[in-house]
PDB file of N, CA and C in Angstrom:
ATOM      1  N   THR A   1      18.925   5.655  18.262  1.00  0.00           N
ATOM      2  CA  THR A   1      19.902   6.407  19.020  1.00  0.00           C
ATOM      3  C   THR A   1      20.839   5.429  19.699  1.00  0.00           C
ATOM      4  N   HIS A   2      22.101   5.714  19.646  1.00  0.00           N
ATOM      5  CA  HIS A   2      23.106   4.851  20.274  1.00  0.00           C
ATOM      6  C   HIS A   2      23.683   5.578  21.475  1.00  0.00           C
ATOM      7  N   GLU A   3      23.634   4.952  22.617  1.00  0.00           N
ATOM      8  CA  GLU A   3      24.197   5.509  23.849  1.00  0.00           C
ATOM      9  C   GLU A   3      25.140   4.495  24.457  1.00  0.00           C
ATOM     10  N   SER A   4      26.280   4.955  24.930  1.00  0.00           N
ATOM     11  CA  SER A   4      27.221   4.091  25.642  1.00  0.00           C
ATOM     12  C   SER A   4      27.366   4.600  27.061  1.00  0.00           C
ATOM     13  N   PHE A   5      27.434   3.668  27.989  1.00  0.00           N
ATOM     14  CA  PHE A   5      27.581   4.015  29.391  1.00  0.00           C
ATOM     15  C   PHE A   5      28.744   3.231  29.964  1.00  0.00           C
ATOM     16  N   GLY A   6      29.516   3.865  30.795  1.00  0.00           N
ATOM     17  CA  GLY A   6      30.600   3.177  31.472  1.00  0.00           C
ATOM     18  C   GLY A   6      30.392   3.239  32.971  1.00  0.00           C
ATOM     19  N   TYR A   7      30.646   2.144  33.637  1.00  0.00           N
ATOM     20  CA  TYR A   7      30.478   2.069  35.082  1.00  0.00           C
ATOM     21  C   TYR A   7      31.731   1.473  35.701  1.00  0.00           C
ATOM     22  N   THR A   8      32.079   1.955  36.861  1.00  0.00           N
ATOM     23  CA  THR A   8      33.193   1.365  37.593  1.00  0.00           C
ATOM     24  C   THR A   8      32.644   0.338  38.569  1.00  0.00           C
ATOM     25  N   ASN A   9      33.497  -0.529  39.036  1.00  0.00           N
ATOM     26  CA  ASN A   9      33.148  -1.528  40.057  1.00  0.00           C
ATOM     27  C   ASN A   9      32.120  -2.562  39.604  1.00  0.00           C
ATOM     28  N   LEU A  10      32.042  -2.832  38.319  1.00  0.00           N
ATOM     29  CA  LEU A  10      31.167  -3.910  37.862  1.00  0.00           C
ATOM     30  C   LEU A  10      31.870  -5.245  38.047  1.00  0.00           C
ATOM     31  N   PRO A  11      31.120  -6.311  38.248  1.00  0.00           N
ATOM     32  CA  PRO A  11      31.745  -7.633  38.303  1.00  0.00           C
ATOM     33  C   PRO A  11      32.469  -7.920  36.984  1.00  0.00           C
ATOM     34  N   PRO A  12      33.561  -8.660  37.042  1.00  0.00           N
ATOM     35  CA  PRO A  12      34.333  -8.937  35.829  1.00  0.00           C
ATOM     36  C   PRO A  12      33.505  -9.547  34.694  1.00  0.00           C
ATOM     37  N   GLY A  13      32.507 -10.333  35.023  1.00  0.00           N
ATOM     38  CA  GLY A  13      31.679 -10.956  33.998  1.00  0.00           C
ATOM     39  C   GLY A  13      30.845  -9.979  33.192  1.00  0.00           C
ATOM     40  N   LEU A  14      30.716  -8.759  33.686  1.00  0.00           N
ATOM     41  CA  LEU A  14      29.920  -7.754  32.980  1.00  0.00           C
ATOM     42  C   LEU A  14      30.773  -6.766  32.189  1.00  0.00           C
ATOM     43  N   LYS A  15      32.075  -6.950  32.199  1.00  0.00           N
ATOM     44  CA  LYS A  15      32.945  -6.062  31.423  1.00  0.00           C
ATOM     45  C   LYS A  15      32.613  -6.232  29.936  1.00  0.00           C
ATOM     46  N   ASN A  16      32.400  -5.131  29.266  1.00  0.00           N
ATOM     47  CA  ASN A  16      32.049  -5.100  27.841  1.00  0.00           C
ATOM     48  C   ASN A  16      30.728  -5.798  27.528  1.00  0.00           C
ATOM     49  N   TYR A  17      29.860  -5.917  28.519  1.00  0.00           N
ATOM     50  CA  TYR A  17      28.535  -6.509  28.330  1.00  0.00           C
ATOM     51  C   TYR A  17      27.681  -5.518  27.555  1.00  0.00           C
ATOM     52  N   LYS A  18      27.055  -5.966  26.489  1.00  0.00           N
ATOM     53  CA  LYS A  18      26.300  -5.058  25.626  1.00  0.00           C
ATOM     54  C   LYS A  18      24.823  -5.437  25.625  1.00  0.00           C
ATOM     55  N   ILE A  19      23.983  -4.428  25.873  1.00  0.00           N
ATOM     56  CA  ILE A  19      22.532  -4.594  25.852  1.00  0.00           C
ATOM     57  C   ILE A  19      21.974  -3.678  24.771  1.00  0.00           C
ATOM     58  N   VAL A  20      21.116  -4.226  23.921  1.00  0.00           N
ATOM     59  CA  VAL A  20      20.382  -3.415  22.955  1.00  0.00           C
ATOM     60  C   VAL A  20      18.947  -3.340  23.444  1.00  0.00           C
ATOM     61  N   GLN A  21      18.436  -2.120  23.574  1.00  0.00           N
ATOM     62  CA  GLN A  21      17.053  -1.919  23.995  1.00  0.00           C
ATOM     63  C   GLN A  21      16.247  -1.416  22.805  1.00  0.00           C
ATOM     64  N   LEU A  22      15.149  -2.095  22.531  1.00  0.00           N
ATOM     65  CA  LEU A  22      14.191  -1.673  21.512  1.00  0.00           C
ATOM     66  C   LEU A  22      12.923  -1.278  22.249  1.00  0.00           C
ATOM     67  N   SER A  23      12.420  -0.092  21.968  1.00  0.00           N
ATOM     68  CA  SER A  23      11.287   0.389  22.747  1.00  0.00           C
ATOM     69  C   SER A  23      10.213   1.010  21.865  1.00  0.00           C
ATOM     70  N   ASP A  24       8.971   0.744  22.224  1.00  0.00           N
ATOM     71  CA  ASP A  24       7.806   1.362  21.584  1.00  0.00           C
ATOM     72  C   ASP A  24       7.824   1.227  20.064  1.00  0.00           C
ATOM     73  N   ILE A  25       7.940   0.002  19.593  1.00  0.00           N
ATOM     74  CA  ILE A  25       8.006  -0.249  18.155  1.00  0.00           C
ATOM     75  C   ILE A  25       6.632  -0.112  17.505  1.00  0.00           C
ATOM     76  N   HIS A  26       5.590  -0.534  18.171  1.00  0.00           N
ATOM     77  CA  HIS A  26       4.216  -0.386  17.672  1.00  0.00           C
ATOM     78  C   HIS A  26       4.024  -1.008  16.292  1.00  0.00           C
ATOM     79  N   ILE A  27       4.246  -2.312  16.180  1.00  0.00           N
ATOM     80  CA  ILE A  27       3.983  -2.996  14.914  1.00  0.00           C
ATOM     81  C   ILE A  27       2.493  -2.881  14.624  1.00  0.00           C
ATOM     82  N   GLY A  28       2.174  -2.424  13.436  1.00  0.00           N
ATOM     83  CA  GLY A  28       0.791  -2.188  13.046  1.00  0.00           C
ATOM     84  C   GLY A  28       0.743  -1.516  11.693  1.00  0.00           C
ATOM     85  N   PRO A  29      -0.096  -0.509  11.532  1.00  0.00           N
ATOM     86  CA  PRO A  29      -0.253   0.125  10.222  1.00  0.00           C
ATOM     87  C   PRO A  29       1.014   0.825   9.699  1.00  0.00           C
ATOM     88  N   SER A  30       1.793   1.413  10.578  1.00  0.00           N
ATOM     89  CA  SER A  30       2.968   2.180  10.135  1.00  0.00           C
ATOM     90  C   SER A  30       4.232   1.345  10.056  1.00  0.00           C
ATOM     91  N   ILE A  31       4.396   0.406  10.962  1.00  0.00           N
ATOM     92  CA  ILE A  31       5.574  -0.463  10.995  1.00  0.00           C
ATOM     93  C   ILE A  31       5.075  -1.893  10.842  1.00  0.00           C
ATOM     94  N   ASP A  32       5.450  -2.518   9.717  1.00  0.00           N
ATOM     95  CA  ASP A  32       4.966  -3.878   9.471  1.00  0.00           C
ATOM     96  C   ASP A  32       6.020  -4.910   9.866  1.00  0.00           C
ATOM     97  N   LEU A  33       5.723  -6.174   9.599  1.00  0.00           N
ATOM     98  CA  LEU A  33       6.630  -7.248  10.000  1.00  0.00           C
ATOM     99  C   LEU A  33       7.962  -7.193   9.263  1.00  0.00           C
ATOM    100  N   ASP A  34       7.963  -6.744   8.014  1.00  0.00           N
ATOM    101  CA  ASP A  34       9.234  -6.577   7.293  1.00  0.00           C
ATOM    102  C   ASP A  34      10.095  -5.515   7.965  1.00  0.00           C
ATOM    103  N   ASP A  35       9.468  -4.423   8.401  1.00  0.00           N
ATOM    104  CA  ASP A  35      10.201  -3.384   9.134  1.00  0.00           C
ATOM    105  C   ASP A  35      10.765  -3.952  10.431  1.00  0.00           C
ATOM    106  N   PHE A  36       9.961  -4.747  11.128  1.00  0.00           N
ATOM    107  CA  PHE A  36      10.409  -5.346  12.381  1.00  0.00           C
ATOM    108  C   PHE A  36      11.592  -6.278  12.144  1.00  0.00           C
ATOM    109  N   ASP A  37      11.538  -7.055  11.060  1.00  0.00           N
ATOM    110  CA  ASP A  37      12.671  -7.920  10.715  1.00  0.00           C
ATOM    111  C   ASP A  37      13.942  -7.097  10.535  1.00  0.00           C
ATOM    112  N   GLU A  38      13.827  -5.959   9.878  1.00  0.00           N
ATOM    113  CA  GLU A  38      14.988  -5.084   9.658  1.00  0.00           C
ATOM    114  C   GLU A  38      15.489  -4.495  10.979  1.00  0.00           C
ATOM    115  N   ILE A  39      14.572  -4.117  11.854  1.00  0.00           N
ATOM    116  CA  ILE A  39      14.952  -3.597  13.172  1.00  0.00           C
ATOM    117  C   ILE A  39      15.732  -4.657  13.948  1.00  0.00           C
ATOM    118  N   LEU A  40      15.231  -5.888  13.939  1.00  0.00           N
ATOM    119  CA  LEU A  40      15.928  -6.973  14.639  1.00  0.00           C
ATOM    120  C   LEU A  40      17.301  -7.231  14.029  1.00  0.00           C
ATOM    121  N   LYS A  41      17.371  -7.204  12.716  1.00  0.00           N
ATOM    122  CA  LYS A  41      18.649  -7.421  12.027  1.00  0.00           C
ATOM    123  C   LYS A  41      19.664  -6.358  12.441  1.00  0.00           C
ATOM    124  N   LEU A  42      19.244  -5.103  12.459  1.00  0.00           N
ATOM    125  CA  LEU A  42      20.145  -4.018  12.860  1.00  0.00           C
ATOM    126  C   LEU A  42      20.566  -4.156  14.318  1.00  0.00           C
ATOM    127  N   ALA A  43      19.642  -4.577  15.164  1.00  0.00           N
ATOM    128  CA  ALA A  43      19.977  -4.772  16.580  1.00  0.00           C
ATOM    129  C   ALA A  43      21.019  -5.871  16.736  1.00  0.00           C
ATOM    130  N   LEU A  44      20.839  -6.971  16.021  1.00  0.00           N
ATOM    131  CA  LEU A  44      21.764  -8.099  16.150  1.00  0.00           C
ATOM    132  C   LEU A  44      23.133  -7.812  15.543  1.00  0.00           C
ATOM    133  N   LEU A  45      23.204  -6.867  14.601  1.00  0.00           N
ATOM    134  CA  LEU A  45      24.499  -6.458  14.046  1.00  0.00           C
ATOM    135  C   LEU A  45      25.401  -5.835  15.113  1.00  0.00           C
ATOM    136  N   GLN A  46      24.791  -5.356  16.197  1.00  0.00           N
ATOM    137  CA  GLN A  46      25.563  -4.762  17.291  1.00  0.00           C
ATOM    138  C   GLN A  46      26.238  -5.828  18.155  1.00  0.00           C
ATOM    139  N   LYS A  47      25.924  -7.098  17.895  1.00  0.00           N
ATOM    140  CA  LYS A  47      26.458  -8.237  18.647  1.00  0.00           C
ATOM    141  C   LYS A  47      26.239  -8.080  20.163  1.00  0.00           C
ATOM    142  N   PRO A  48      24.969  -7.877  20.544  1.00  0.00           N
ATOM    143  CA  PRO A  48      24.681  -7.690  21.969  1.00  0.00           C
ATOM    144  C   PRO A  48      24.705  -9.004  22.740  1.00  0.00           C
ATOM    145  N   ASN A  49      24.941  -8.879  24.041  1.00  0.00           N
ATOM    146  CA  ASN A  49      24.764 -10.025  24.932  1.00  0.00           C
ATOM    147  C   ASN A  49      23.278 -10.263  25.200  1.00  0.00           C
ATOM    148  N   ARG A  50      22.507  -9.196  25.195  1.00  0.00           N
ATOM    149  CA  ARG A  50      21.063  -9.265  25.427  1.00  0.00           C
ATOM    150  C   ARG A  50      20.359  -8.224  24.565  1.00  0.00           C
ATOM    151  N   VAL A  51      19.157  -8.579  24.122  1.00  0.00           N
ATOM    152  CA  VAL A  51      18.247  -7.625  23.493  1.00  0.00           C
ATOM    153  C   VAL A  51      17.024  -7.563  24.394  1.00  0.00           C
ATOM    154  N   VAL A  52      16.647  -6.368  24.795  1.00  0.00           N
ATOM    155  CA  VAL A  52      15.446  -6.200  25.611  1.00  0.00           C
ATOM    156  C   VAL A  52      14.450  -5.352  24.834  1.00  0.00           C
ATOM    157  N   ILE A  53      13.193  -5.727  24.930  1.00  0.00           N
ATOM    158  CA  ILE A  53      12.128  -4.993  24.259  1.00  0.00           C
ATOM    159  C   ILE A  53      11.239  -4.410  25.341  1.00  0.00           C
ATOM    160  N   THR A  54      11.117  -3.092  25.325  1.00  0.00           N
ATOM    161  CA  THR A  54      10.308  -2.396  26.326  1.00  0.00           C
ATOM    162  C   THR A  54       9.241  -1.565  25.616  1.00  0.00           C
ATOM    163  N   GLY A  55       8.238  -1.171  26.346  1.00  0.00           N
ATOM    164  CA  GLY A  55       7.181  -0.360  25.752  1.00  0.00           C
ATOM    165  C   GLY A  55       6.240  -1.217  24.917  1.00  0.00           C
ATOM    166  N   ASP A  56       5.481  -0.566  24.072  1.00  0.00           N
ATOM    167  CA  ASP A  56       4.490  -1.256  23.243  1.00  0.00           C
ATOM    168  C   ASP A  56       5.162  -1.863  22.019  1.00  0.00           C
ATOM    169  N   LEU A  57       4.988  -3.159  21.837  1.00  0.00           N
ATOM    170  CA  LEU A  57       5.575  -3.849  20.695  1.00  0.00           C
ATOM    171  C   LEU A  57       4.583  -3.948  19.541  1.00  0.00           C
ATOM    172  N   ILE A  58       3.328  -4.242  19.832  1.00  0.00           N
ATOM    173  CA  ILE A  58       2.315  -4.402  18.784  1.00  0.00           C
ATOM    174  C   ILE A  58       1.120  -3.505  19.076  1.00  0.00           C
ATOM    175  N   ASP A  59       0.421  -3.130  17.997  1.00  0.00           N
ATOM    176  CA  ASP A  59      -0.791  -2.327  18.149  1.00  0.00           C
ATOM    177  C   ASP A  59      -2.055  -3.179  18.169  1.00  0.00           C
ATOM    178  N   LYS A  60      -1.963  -4.395  17.611  1.00  0.00           N
ATOM    179  CA  LYS A  60      -3.119  -5.292  17.583  1.00  0.00           C
ATOM    180  C   LYS A  60      -2.682  -6.673  18.041  1.00  0.00           C
ATOM    181  N   LEU A  61      -3.481  -7.279  18.876  1.00  0.00           N
ATOM    182  CA  LEU A  61      -3.171  -8.603  19.405  1.00  0.00           C
ATOM    183  C   LEU A  61      -3.000  -9.638  18.293  1.00  0.00           C
ATOM    184  N   ALA A  62      -3.650  -9.435  17.167  1.00  0.00           N
ATOM    185  CA  ALA A  62      -3.559 -10.379  16.049  1.00  0.00           C
ATOM    186  C   ALA A  62      -2.125 -10.523  15.527  1.00  0.00           C
ATOM    187  N   TRP A  63      -1.280  -9.517  15.740  1.00  0.00           N
ATOM    188  CA  TRP A  63       0.113  -9.577  15.274  1.00  0.00           C
ATOM    189  C   TRP A  63       0.986 -10.445  16.173  1.00  0.00           C
ATOM    190  N   LEU A  64       0.536 -10.751  17.370  1.00  0.00           N
ATOM    191  CA  LEU A  64       1.384 -11.418  18.360  1.00  0.00           C
ATOM    192  C   LEU A  64       2.003 -12.738  17.886  1.00  0.00           C
ATOM    193  N   PRO A  65       1.249 -13.671  17.302  1.00  0.00           N
ATOM    194  CA  PRO A  65       1.886 -14.930  16.889  1.00  0.00           C
ATOM    195  C   PRO A  65       3.018 -14.733  15.881  1.00  0.00           C
ATOM    196  N   GLN A  66       2.818 -13.854  14.905  1.00  0.00           N
ATOM    197  CA  GLN A  66       3.851 -13.627  13.889  1.00  0.00           C
ATOM    198  C   GLN A  66       5.074 -12.946  14.480  1.00  0.00           C
ATOM    199  N   VAL A  67       4.859 -12.059  15.418  1.00  0.00           N
ATOM    200  CA  VAL A  67       5.982 -11.376  16.063  1.00  0.00           C
ATOM    201  C   VAL A  67       6.754 -12.356  16.937  1.00  0.00           C
ATOM    202  N   CYS A  68       6.049 -13.182  17.694  1.00  0.00           N
ATOM    203  CA  CYS A  68       6.720 -14.145  18.578  1.00  0.00           C
ATOM    204  C   CYS A  68       7.567 -15.139  17.795  1.00  0.00           C
ATOM    205  N   GLU A  69       7.160 -15.496  16.585  1.00  0.00           N
ATOM    206  CA  GLU A  69       7.958 -16.393  15.749  1.00  0.00           C
ATOM    207  C   GLU A  69       9.336 -15.805  15.463  1.00  0.00           C
ATOM    208  N   ARG A  70       9.432 -14.490  15.425  1.00  0.00           N
ATOM    209  CA  ARG A  70      10.677 -13.821  15.075  1.00  0.00           C
ATOM    210  C   ARG A  70      11.608 -13.631  16.272  1.00  0.00           C
ATOM    211  N   LEU A  71      11.084 -13.816  17.461  1.00  0.00           N
ATOM    212  CA  LEU A  71      11.896 -13.534  18.646  1.00  0.00           C
ATOM    213  C   LEU A  71      12.679 -14.728  19.115  1.00  0.00           C
TER     214      LEU A  71
END
């Protein structure tokens, strides 16, 4: 889902500042590392100033090293 928000009175340095939020990806049986690579690729196509990941990223701790390599 793509949402745009506009705010008045922001500092000049934040004008056109873009944040991509990825939430509750749950890498595991349903979403694998190839899917995660595609998600990251699509996020970066938006040319964000920041990417934030919120919620659950992995379902098993064993995935953590491979996921961290991609970040």
